[in-house]
Amino acid sequence: MEKCIQKGSFYGFLVCLALAFLFVDYKVITPFDGGYTTEYVPVYDYIVSIIRFGVSGAFIGMFVGWMISKIKNEDNK
């Protein structure tokens, strides 16, 4: 049971970390009179937001792993 939860946590972390690299904005574009200005997010804020998505994915993966192990244990009984 613990092995399934650990695997789910690890894979959930990796998948959400990869998705965070794709979808977290690293720059902010604001329009003004006839043009645009681009401001880049500081590296610290960018890394913290990516890790936040990864940790939330780990918790989701732990829940999914727990549910899978619970279903497998019910089938064995």
N, C-alpha and C. Protein backbone atom coordinates (compact mmCIF):
# COMPACT_ATOMS: atom_id res chain seq x y z
N MET A 1 0.83 -1.19 0.00
CA MET A 1 0.00 0.00 0.00
C MET A 1 0.87 1.26 0.00
N GLU A 2 1.92 1.27 0.85
CA GLU A 2 2.76 2.44 0.93
C GLU A 2 3.53 2.66 -0.37
N LYS A 3 3.91 1.57 -1.02
CA LYS A 3 4.66 1.67 -2.26
C LYS A 3 3.82 2.34 -3.34
N CYS A 4 2.54 2.01 -3.40
CA CYS A 4 1.65 2.59 -4.40
C CYS A 4 1.44 4.09 -4.13
N ILE A 5 1.36 4.46 -2.87
CA ILE A 5 1.20 5.87 -2.52
C ILE A 5 2.48 6.64 -2.86
N GLN A 6 3.64 6.03 -2.60
CA GLN A 6 4.90 6.69 -2.92
C GLN A 6 5.07 6.88 -4.43
N LYS A 7 4.72 5.87 -5.19
CA LYS A 7 4.80 5.99 -6.64
C LYS A 7 3.86 7.06 -7.16
N GLY A 8 2.64 7.08 -6.65
CA GLY A 8 1.67 8.08 -7.07
C GLY A 8 2.14 9.49 -6.75
N SER A 9 2.73 9.65 -5.58
CA SER A 9 3.24 10.95 -5.18
C SER A 9 4.39 11.39 -6.09
N PHE A 10 5.30 10.50 -6.36
CA PHE A 10 6.45 10.83 -7.20
C PHE A 10 6.02 11.16 -8.63
N TYR A 11 5.19 10.31 -9.21
CA TYR A 11 4.75 10.56 -10.58
C TYR A 11 3.87 11.80 -10.67
N GLY A 12 3.03 12.04 -9.69
CA GLY A 12 2.22 13.25 -9.68
C GLY A 12 3.08 14.49 -9.60
N PHE A 13 4.14 14.44 -8.79
CA PHE A 13 5.06 15.57 -8.69
C PHE A 13 5.73 15.84 -10.04
N LEU A 14 6.23 14.80 -10.68
CA LEU A 14 6.92 14.98 -11.95
C LEU A 14 6.00 15.47 -13.06
N VAL A 15 4.80 14.92 -13.14
CA VAL A 15 3.87 15.33 -14.19
C VAL A 15 3.45 16.78 -14.00
N CYS A 16 3.10 17.16 -12.79
CA CYS A 16 2.68 18.54 -12.55
C CYS A 16 3.85 19.51 -12.66
N LEU A 17 5.05 19.07 -12.34
CA LEU A 17 6.22 19.92 -12.53
C LEU A 17 6.45 20.19 -14.02
N ALA A 18 6.30 19.17 -14.84
CA ALA A 18 6.45 19.35 -16.29
C ALA A 18 5.36 20.26 -16.84
N LEU A 19 4.13 20.08 -16.37
CA LEU A 19 3.04 20.94 -16.82
C LEU A 19 3.23 22.37 -16.34
N ALA A 20 3.81 22.55 -15.17
CA ALA A 20 4.05 23.89 -14.65
C ALA A 20 5.08 24.62 -15.52
N PHE A 21 6.10 23.90 -15.99
CA PHE A 21 7.08 24.54 -16.88
C PHE A 21 6.41 25.02 -18.16
N LEU A 22 5.39 24.31 -18.59
CA LEU A 22 4.71 24.71 -19.83
C LEU A 22 3.74 25.87 -19.63
N PHE A 23 3.04 25.91 -18.50
CA PHE A 23 1.92 26.83 -18.37
C PHE A 23 2.11 28.00 -17.41
N VAL A 24 3.15 28.02 -16.60
CA VAL A 24 3.37 29.14 -15.69
C VAL A 24 4.03 30.27 -16.47
N ASP A 25 3.47 31.45 -16.36
CA ASP A 25 4.00 32.60 -17.08
C ASP A 25 5.28 33.10 -16.45
N TYR A 26 6.27 33.35 -17.28
CA TYR A 26 7.54 33.88 -16.79
C TYR A 26 7.69 35.37 -17.11
N LYS A 27 6.69 35.91 -17.81
CA LYS A 27 6.71 37.33 -18.10
C LYS A 27 5.29 37.88 -18.06
N VAL A 28 5.20 39.18 -17.79
CA VAL A 28 3.91 39.86 -17.72
C VAL A 28 3.91 40.94 -18.80
N ILE A 29 2.94 40.89 -19.68
CA ILE A 29 2.82 41.87 -20.75
C ILE A 29 1.66 42.79 -20.42
N THR A 30 1.94 44.09 -20.32
CA THR A 30 0.90 45.07 -20.02
C THR A 30 0.82 46.08 -21.15
N PRO A 31 -0.39 46.27 -21.67
CA PRO A 31 -0.55 47.27 -22.74
C PRO A 31 -0.61 48.69 -22.17
N PHE A 32 -0.11 49.63 -22.91
CA PHE A 32 -0.25 51.04 -22.57
C PHE A 32 -0.48 51.80 -23.86
N ASP A 33 -0.43 53.09 -23.87
CA ASP A 33 -0.79 53.92 -25.03
C ASP A 33 -0.04 53.53 -26.29
N GLY A 34 -0.67 52.73 -27.11
CA GLY A 34 -0.12 52.38 -28.41
C GLY A 34 1.00 51.36 -28.39
N GLY A 35 1.26 50.72 -27.30
CA GLY A 35 2.34 49.73 -27.26
C GLY A 35 2.19 48.77 -26.10
N TYR A 36 3.19 47.99 -25.91
CA TYR A 36 3.21 47.00 -24.84
C TYR A 36 4.51 47.10 -24.08
N THR A 37 4.46 46.73 -22.84
CA THR A 37 5.68 46.62 -22.05
C THR A 37 5.77 45.21 -21.47
N THR A 38 6.95 44.67 -21.47
CA THR A 38 7.18 43.31 -20.98
C THR A 38 8.02 43.37 -19.72
N GLU A 39 7.52 42.75 -18.67
CA GLU A 39 8.26 42.65 -17.42
C GLU A 39 8.43 41.17 -17.11
N TYR A 40 9.65 40.78 -16.82
CA TYR A 40 9.93 39.39 -16.49
C TYR A 40 9.75 39.16 -15.00
N VAL A 41 9.17 38.02 -14.67
CA VAL A 41 8.95 37.64 -13.27
C VAL A 41 10.32 37.30 -12.67
N PRO A 42 10.59 37.73 -11.45
CA PRO A 42 11.86 37.34 -10.82
C PRO A 42 12.00 35.82 -10.72
N VAL A 43 13.22 35.36 -10.81
CA VAL A 43 13.50 33.92 -10.84
C VAL A 43 12.96 33.23 -9.59
N TYR A 44 13.12 33.86 -8.45
CA TYR A 44 12.65 33.26 -7.20
C TYR A 44 11.14 33.03 -7.24
N ASP A 45 10.38 34.02 -7.68
CA ASP A 45 8.93 33.87 -7.75
C ASP A 45 8.52 32.80 -8.76
N TYR A 46 9.23 32.74 -9.88
CA TYR A 46 8.95 31.74 -10.90
C TYR A 46 9.19 30.32 -10.37
N ILE A 47 10.32 30.11 -9.69
CA ILE A 47 10.64 28.79 -9.16
C ILE A 47 9.66 28.39 -8.07
N VAL A 48 9.28 29.32 -7.21
CA VAL A 48 8.33 29.01 -6.14
C VAL A 48 6.98 28.62 -6.73
N SER A 49 6.53 29.30 -7.77
CA SER A 49 5.24 28.95 -8.36
C SER A 49 5.30 27.59 -9.04
N ILE A 50 6.41 27.25 -9.66
CA ILE A 50 6.55 25.93 -10.29
C ILE A 50 6.56 24.83 -9.23
N ILE A 51 7.30 25.04 -8.16
CA ILE A 51 7.35 24.03 -7.09
C ILE A 51 6.00 23.90 -6.41
N ARG A 52 5.25 25.00 -6.30
CA ARG A 52 3.92 24.93 -5.71
C ARG A 52 3.02 24.01 -6.53
N PHE A 53 3.07 24.13 -7.86
CA PHE A 53 2.29 23.23 -8.70
C PHE A 53 2.76 21.79 -8.56
N GLY A 54 4.06 21.57 -8.46
CA GLY A 54 4.58 20.22 -8.30
C GLY A 54 4.14 19.57 -7.00
N VAL A 55 4.14 20.33 -5.91
CA VAL A 55 3.73 19.78 -4.62
C VAL A 55 2.23 19.48 -4.61
N SER A 56 1.44 20.35 -5.22
CA SER A 56 0.00 20.06 -5.29
C SER A 56 -0.25 18.81 -6.13
N GLY A 57 0.53 18.61 -7.18
CA GLY A 57 0.43 17.39 -7.98
C GLY A 57 0.84 16.16 -7.19
N ALA A 58 1.81 16.32 -6.30
CA ALA A 58 2.23 15.19 -5.45
C ALA A 58 1.10 14.79 -4.52
N PHE A 59 0.39 15.76 -3.96
CA PHE A 59 -0.74 15.42 -3.09
C PHE A 59 -1.86 14.75 -3.88
N ILE A 60 -2.12 15.22 -5.08
CA ILE A 60 -3.13 14.58 -5.92
C ILE A 60 -2.70 13.15 -6.26
N GLY A 61 -1.42 12.98 -6.59
CA GLY A 61 -0.90 11.64 -6.88
C GLY A 61 -0.96 10.72 -5.68
N MET A 62 -0.73 11.25 -4.47
CA MET A 62 -0.85 10.42 -3.26
C MET A 62 -2.28 9.95 -3.08
N PHE A 63 -3.24 10.85 -3.32
CA PHE A 63 -4.65 10.47 -3.19
C PHE A 63 -5.02 9.40 -4.22
N VAL A 64 -4.57 9.59 -5.45
CA VAL A 64 -4.88 8.60 -6.49
C VAL A 64 -4.22 7.26 -6.17
N GLY A 65 -2.97 7.28 -5.69
CA GLY A 65 -2.30 6.04 -5.30
C GLY A 65 -3.00 5.35 -4.16
N TRP A 66 -3.49 6.12 -3.20
CA TRP A 66 -4.23 5.55 -2.08
C TRP A 66 -5.52 4.90 -2.56
N MET A 67 -6.23 5.58 -3.48
CA MET A 67 -7.47 5.01 -4.01
C MET A 67 -7.20 3.72 -4.80
N ILE A 68 -6.14 3.70 -5.58
CA ILE A 68 -5.80 2.50 -6.35
C ILE A 68 -5.46 1.34 -5.43
N SER A 69 -4.67 1.62 -4.38
CA SER A 69 -4.32 0.54 -3.45
C SER A 69 -5.54 0.08 -2.67
N LYS A 70 -6.44 0.99 -2.38
CA LYS A 70 -7.67 0.61 -1.66
C LYS A 70 -8.53 -0.30 -2.55
N ILE A 71 -8.62 0.02 -3.83
CA ILE A 71 -9.40 -0.79 -4.77
C ILE A 71 -8.76 -2.17 -4.94
N LYS A 72 -7.43 -2.20 -5.02
CA LYS A 72 -6.73 -3.49 -5.18
C LYS A 72 -6.92 -4.37 -3.95
N ASN A 73 -6.89 -3.77 -2.75
CA ASN A 73 -7.06 -4.55 -1.53
C ASN A 73 -8.49 -5.09 -1.40
N GLU A 74 -9.48 -4.33 -1.88
CA GLU A 74 -10.86 -4.82 -1.83
C GLU A 74 -11.06 -5.98 -2.81
N ASP A 75 -10.36 -5.93 -3.95
CA ASP A 75 -10.49 -7.01 -4.92
C ASP A 75 -9.86 -8.30 -4.41
N ASN A 76 -8.82 -8.19 -3.60
CA ASN A 76 -8.14 -9.37 -3.08
C ASN A 76 -8.94 -10.07 -1.99
N LYS A 77 -9.82 -9.37 -1.34
CA LYS A 77 -10.58 -9.97 -0.22
C LYS A 77 -11.73 -10.79 -0.69
